[in-house]
Amino acid sequence: MPLSDLPANHDVLTYLRDQAVRPRRESGRYVLDGWELHTHPDLVERFDLISPSRAAITPVFGVPVVVANGIAAAFATGTGWLLLRLPQPPTDVEMVEPIAALDGKGWHSVDAWQDVSKRSLGRLQSLTHAAMEYAAELAGDSPVQPSAPRE
């Protein structure tokens, strides 16, 4: 589902739009949906593993974003930031420095590389699903249907 231009997405859209860059021809840079990629390719792969559903990932200004019911729920940026939209900071995970433009606005910065174990991936996947459920609540829609765990 595409990201809607709703008030709930204003802060994240502004942040992503402000850093967006159209690549020049022959720049040799990675591109995602016509925009310079702002997420390390290795993190894009990890984000795909963390996302409960590949269909939920939408490219937004060169950043992969998990969208639930038109609302941004999570995104990966830089070399190790996983941003989750949750009503409370997550527990049992290593946090990283918050992104100033989103700090205090319901976005929580988690280290995407904190552990490479299956348990860690499972915890990050659970948090991403919780972020999708929260996004659905913000949209005023019914909760996101749980998906089967990915291996």
C-alpha atoms as a PDB file:
ATOM      1  CA  MET A   1       0.000   0.000   0.000  1.00  0.00           C
ATOM      2  CA  PRO A   2       1.416   3.428  -0.845  1.00  0.00           C
ATOM      3  CA  LEU A   3       2.195   6.017   1.786  1.00  0.00           C
ATOM      4  CA  SER A   4      -0.679   8.486   2.108  1.00  0.00           C
ATOM      5  CA  ASP A   5      -0.248  12.230   2.406  1.00  0.00           C
ATOM      6  CA  LEU A   6      -2.119  12.251   5.736  1.00  0.00           C
ATOM      7  CA  PRO A   7      -1.285  14.374   8.797  1.00  0.00           C
ATOM      8  CA  ALA A   8       0.081  11.259  10.557  1.00  0.00           C
ATOM      9  CA  ASN A   9       2.771  11.030   7.848  1.00  0.00           C
ATOM     10  CA  HIS A  10       3.694  14.720   7.780  1.00  0.00           C
ATOM     11  CA  ASP A  11       6.847  14.522   9.939  1.00  0.00           C
ATOM     12  CA  VAL A  12       8.309  11.445   8.258  1.00  0.00           C
ATOM     13  CA  LEU A  13       7.480  12.684   4.743  1.00  0.00           C
ATOM     14  CA  THR A  14       9.090  16.043   5.507  1.00  0.00           C
ATOM     15  CA  TYR A  15      12.211  14.331   6.860  1.00  0.00           C
ATOM     16  CA  LEU A  16      12.525  11.971   3.887  1.00  0.00           C
ATOM     17  CA  ARG A  17      11.718  14.682   1.328  1.00  0.00           C
ATOM     18  CA  ASP A  18      14.317  17.054   2.812  1.00  0.00           C
ATOM     19  CA  GLN A  19      17.109  14.534   2.287  1.00  0.00           C
ATOM     20  CA  ALA A  20      15.890  13.218  -1.080  1.00  0.00           C
ATOM     21  CA  VAL A  21      18.231  13.511  -4.059  1.00  0.00           C
ATOM     22  CA  ARG A  22      17.556  12.678  -7.685  1.00  0.00           C
ATOM     23  CA  PRO A  23      20.615  10.852  -9.013  1.00  0.00           C
ATOM     24  CA  ARG A  24      22.603  12.303 -11.870  1.00  0.00           C
ATOM     25  CA  ARG A  25      23.221  10.161 -14.877  1.00  0.00           C
ATOM     26  CA  GLU A  26      26.248   7.933 -14.528  1.00  0.00           C
ATOM     27  CA  SER A  27      26.634   8.858 -10.867  1.00  0.00           C
ATOM     28  CA  GLY A  28      27.370   5.252  -9.903  1.00  0.00           C
ATOM     29  CA  ARG A  29      25.066   5.654  -6.902  1.00  0.00           C
ATOM     30  CA  TYR A  30      22.416   3.168  -5.854  1.00  0.00           C
ATOM     31  CA  VAL A  31      18.895   4.179  -6.818  1.00  0.00           C
ATOM     32  CA  LEU A  32      15.540   3.211  -5.330  1.00  0.00           C
ATOM     33  CA  ASP A  33      12.434   4.120  -7.306  1.00  0.00           C
ATOM     34  CA  GLY A  34      14.133   7.057  -9.041  1.00  0.00           C
ATOM     35  CA  TRP A  35      15.776   8.511  -5.915  1.00  0.00           C
ATOM     36  CA  GLU A  36      19.289   8.136  -4.558  1.00  0.00           C
ATOM     37  CA  LEU A  37      19.257   5.320  -2.000  1.00  0.00           C
ATOM     38  CA  HIS A  38      19.670   6.622   1.565  1.00  0.00           C
ATOM     39  CA  THR A  39      19.875   3.171   3.119  1.00  0.00           C
ATOM     40  CA  HIS A  40      22.945   0.960   2.864  1.00  0.00           C
ATOM     41  CA  PRO A  41      22.189  -1.990   0.521  1.00  0.00           C
ATOM     42  CA  ASP A  42      23.070  -4.484   3.300  1.00  0.00           C
ATOM     43  CA  LEU A  43      20.547  -2.766   5.570  1.00  0.00           C
ATOM     44  CA  VAL A  44      17.927  -2.943   2.806  1.00  0.00           C
ATOM     45  CA  GLU A  45      18.395  -6.733   2.814  1.00  0.00           C
ATOM     46  CA  ARG A  46      18.150  -6.887   6.613  1.00  0.00           C
ATOM     47  CA  PHE A  47      15.063  -4.660   6.557  1.00  0.00           C
ATOM     48  CA  ASP A  48      13.469  -7.096   4.142  1.00  0.00           C
ATOM     49  CA  LEU A  49      14.101  -9.875   6.697  1.00  0.00           C
ATOM     50  CA  ILE A  50      12.707  -7.748   9.532  1.00  0.00           C
ATOM     51  CA  SER A  51       9.555  -6.721   7.682  1.00  0.00           C
ATOM     52  CA  PRO A  52       6.656  -9.082   8.379  1.00  0.00           C
ATOM     53  CA  SER A  53       5.536  -8.668   4.773  1.00  0.00           C
ATOM     54  CA  ARG A  54       7.471  -7.772   1.629  1.00  0.00           C
ATOM     55  CA  ALA A  55       4.274  -6.249   0.257  1.00  0.00           C
ATOM     56  CA  ALA A  56       4.304  -3.701   3.076  1.00  0.00           C
ATOM     57  CA  ILE A  57       7.645  -2.178   1.967  1.00  0.00           C
ATOM     58  CA  THR A  58       7.257   0.932  -0.146  1.00  0.00           C
ATOM     59  CA  PRO A  59      10.091   3.090  -1.525  1.00  0.00           C
ATOM     60  CA  VAL A  60       9.740   6.703  -0.359  1.00  0.00           C
ATOM     61  CA  PHE A  61      12.310   9.266  -1.557  1.00  0.00           C
ATOM     62  CA  GLY A  62      15.056   6.610  -1.716  1.00  0.00           C
ATOM     63  CA  VAL A  63      14.233   4.931   1.600  1.00  0.00           C
ATOM     64  CA  PRO A  64      12.403   1.616   2.169  1.00  0.00           C
ATOM     65  CA  VAL A  65       9.364   2.223   4.383  1.00  0.00           C
ATOM     66  CA  VAL A  66       6.959  -0.298   5.893  1.00  0.00           C
ATOM     67  CA  VAL A  67       3.461   1.066   5.374  1.00  0.00           C
ATOM     68  CA  ALA A  68       0.303  -0.133   7.095  1.00  0.00           C
ATOM     69  CA  ASN A  69      -3.074   1.226   6.034  1.00  0.00           C
ATOM     70  CA  GLY A  70      -1.392   4.203   4.316  1.00  0.00           C
ATOM     71  CA  ILE A  71       0.603   5.201   7.410  1.00  0.00           C
ATOM     72  CA  ALA A  72       4.400   4.865   7.762  1.00  0.00           C
ATOM     73  CA  ALA A  73       5.169   2.280  10.439  1.00  0.00           C
ATOM     74  CA  ALA A  74       8.916   1.703  10.102  1.00  0.00           C
ATOM     75  CA  PHE A  75      11.850   2.583   7.886  1.00  0.00           C
ATOM     76  CA  ALA A  76      15.527   1.828   7.545  1.00  0.00           C
ATOM     77  CA  THR A  77      18.076   4.533   6.812  1.00  0.00           C
ATOM     78  CA  GLY A  78      21.800   5.085   6.812  1.00  0.00           C
ATOM     79  CA  THR A  79      23.946   2.116   7.735  1.00  0.00           C
ATOM     80  CA  GLY A  80      22.117   0.910  10.822  1.00  0.00           C
ATOM     81  CA  TRP A  81      19.053   2.904  11.822  1.00  0.00           C
ATOM     82  CA  LEU A  82      15.731   1.135  12.096  1.00  0.00           C
ATOM     83  CA  LEU A  83      13.027   3.668  12.905  1.00  0.00           C
ATOM     84  CA  LEU A  84       9.847   2.298  14.442  1.00  0.00           C
ATOM     85  CA  ARG A  85       6.630   4.213  15.080  1.00  0.00           C
ATOM     86  CA  LEU A  86       5.413   2.975  18.445  1.00  0.00           C
ATOM     87  CA  PRO A  87       3.403   4.521  21.298  1.00  0.00           C
ATOM     88  CA  GLN A  88       6.250   3.720  23.748  1.00  0.00           C
ATOM     89  CA  PRO A  89      10.000   3.103  23.284  1.00  0.00           C
ATOM     90  CA  PRO A  90      10.698  -0.586  22.691  1.00  0.00           C
ATOM     91  CA  THR A  91      12.374  -2.689  25.354  1.00  0.00           C
ATOM     92  CA  ASP A  92      14.908  -5.501  25.120  1.00  0.00           C
ATOM     93  CA  VAL A  93      16.645  -3.946  22.109  1.00  0.00           C
ATOM     94  CA  GLU A  94      19.640  -1.681  21.704  1.00  0.00           C
ATOM     95  CA  MET A  95      18.653   1.862  20.848  1.00  0.00           C
ATOM     96  CA  VAL A  96      20.753   4.243  18.736  1.00  0.00           C
ATOM     97  CA  GLU A  97      20.959   8.019  18.592  1.00  0.00           C
ATOM     98  CA  PRO A  98      17.554   9.409  17.616  1.00  0.00           C
ATOM     99  CA  ILE A  99      17.068  11.331  14.399  1.00  0.00           C
ATOM    100  CA  ALA A 100      16.540  14.901  15.581  1.00  0.00           C
ATOM    101  CA  ALA A 101      13.754  15.730  13.105  1.00  0.00           C
ATOM    102  CA  LEU A 102      11.678  12.775  14.370  1.00  0.00           C
ATOM    103  CA  ASP A 103      12.687  12.702  18.028  1.00  0.00           C
ATOM    104  CA  GLY A 104       9.694  13.015  20.363  1.00  0.00           C
ATOM    105  CA  LYS A 105       7.229  12.419  17.527  1.00  0.00           C
ATOM    106  CA  GLY A 106       6.573   8.723  18.107  1.00  0.00           C
ATOM    107  CA  TRP A 107       9.602   7.446  16.186  1.00  0.00           C
ATOM    108  CA  HIS A 108      12.123   5.287  18.049  1.00  0.00           C
ATOM    109  CA  SER A 109      15.631   4.595  16.712  1.00  0.00           C
ATOM    110  CA  VAL A 110      16.757   0.994  17.078  1.00  0.00           C
ATOM    111  CA  ASP A 111      20.080  -0.560  16.107  1.00  0.00           C
ATOM    112  CA  ALA A 112      19.292  -2.831  13.157  1.00  0.00           C
ATOM    113  CA  TRP A 113      22.602  -4.700  13.604  1.00  0.00           C
ATOM    114  CA  GLN A 114      22.502  -5.323  17.354  1.00  0.00           C
ATOM    115  CA  ASP A 115      22.630  -9.087  17.022  1.00  0.00           C
ATOM    116  CA  VAL A 116      22.622 -11.437  14.091  1.00  0.00           C
ATOM    117  CA  SER A 117      20.846 -14.282  15.897  1.00  0.00           C
ATOM    118  CA  LYS A 118      17.424 -15.590  14.877  1.00  0.00           C
ATOM    119  CA  ARG A 119      16.108 -14.407  18.247  1.00  0.00           C
ATOM    120  CA  SER A 120      17.153 -10.845  17.483  1.00  0.00           C
ATOM    121  CA  LEU A 121      15.607 -10.921  14.009  1.00  0.00           C
ATOM    122  CA  GLY A 122      12.431 -12.322  15.536  1.00  0.00           C
ATOM    123  CA  ARG A 123      12.322  -9.497  18.102  1.00  0.00           C
ATOM    124  CA  LEU A 124      12.864  -6.839  15.415  1.00  0.00           C
ATOM    125  CA  GLN A 125      10.194  -8.491  13.265  1.00  0.00           C
ATOM    126  CA  SER A 126       7.771  -8.448  16.230  1.00  0.00           C
ATOM    127  CA  LEU A 127       8.499  -4.779  16.827  1.00  0.00           C
ATOM    128  CA  THR A 128       7.943  -3.988  13.160  1.00  0.00           C
ATOM    129  CA  HIS A 129       4.611  -5.805  13.269  1.00  0.00           C
ATOM    130  CA  ALA A 130       3.681  -3.856  16.413  1.00  0.00           C
ATOM    131  CA  ALA A 131       4.568  -0.649  14.550  1.00  0.00           C
ATOM    132  CA  MET A 132       2.289  -1.758  11.698  1.00  0.00           C
ATOM    133  CA  GLU A 133      -0.561  -2.346  14.157  1.00  0.00           C
ATOM    134  CA  TYR A 134       0.012   1.069  15.697  1.00  0.00           C
ATOM    135  CA  ALA A 135       0.033   2.698  12.252  1.00  0.00           C
ATOM    136  CA  ALA A 136      -3.283   1.000  11.479  1.00  0.00           C
ATOM    137  CA  GLU A 137      -4.684   2.449  14.719  1.00  0.00           C
ATOM    138  CA  LEU A 138      -3.469   5.910  13.693  1.00  0.00           C
ATOM    139  CA  ALA A 139      -5.252   5.439  10.376  1.00  0.00           C
ATOM    140  CA  GLY A 140      -8.415   4.572  12.275  1.00  0.00           C
ATOM    141  CA  ASP A 141      -8.634   1.212  10.519  1.00  0.00           C
ATOM    142  CA  SER A 142      -8.850  -2.314  11.760  1.00  0.00           C
ATOM    143  CA  PRO A 143      -5.611  -3.898  12.989  1.00  0.00           C
ATOM    144  CA  VAL A 144      -3.129  -5.370  10.548  1.00  0.00           C
ATOM    145  CA  GLN A 145      -3.607  -9.088  10.087  1.00  0.00           C
ATOM    146  CA  PRO A 146      -0.715 -11.097  11.523  1.00  0.00           C
ATOM    147  CA  SER A 147       1.539 -12.687   8.971  1.00  0.00           C
ATOM    148  CA  ALA A 148       3.355 -15.975   9.228  1.00  0.00           C
ATOM    149  CA  PRO A 149       6.909 -15.624  10.533  1.00  0.00           C
ATOM    150  CA  ARG A 150       9.509 -15.416   7.796  1.00  0.00           C
ATOM    151  CA  GLU A 151      12.613 -17.533   7.897  1.00  0.00           C
END
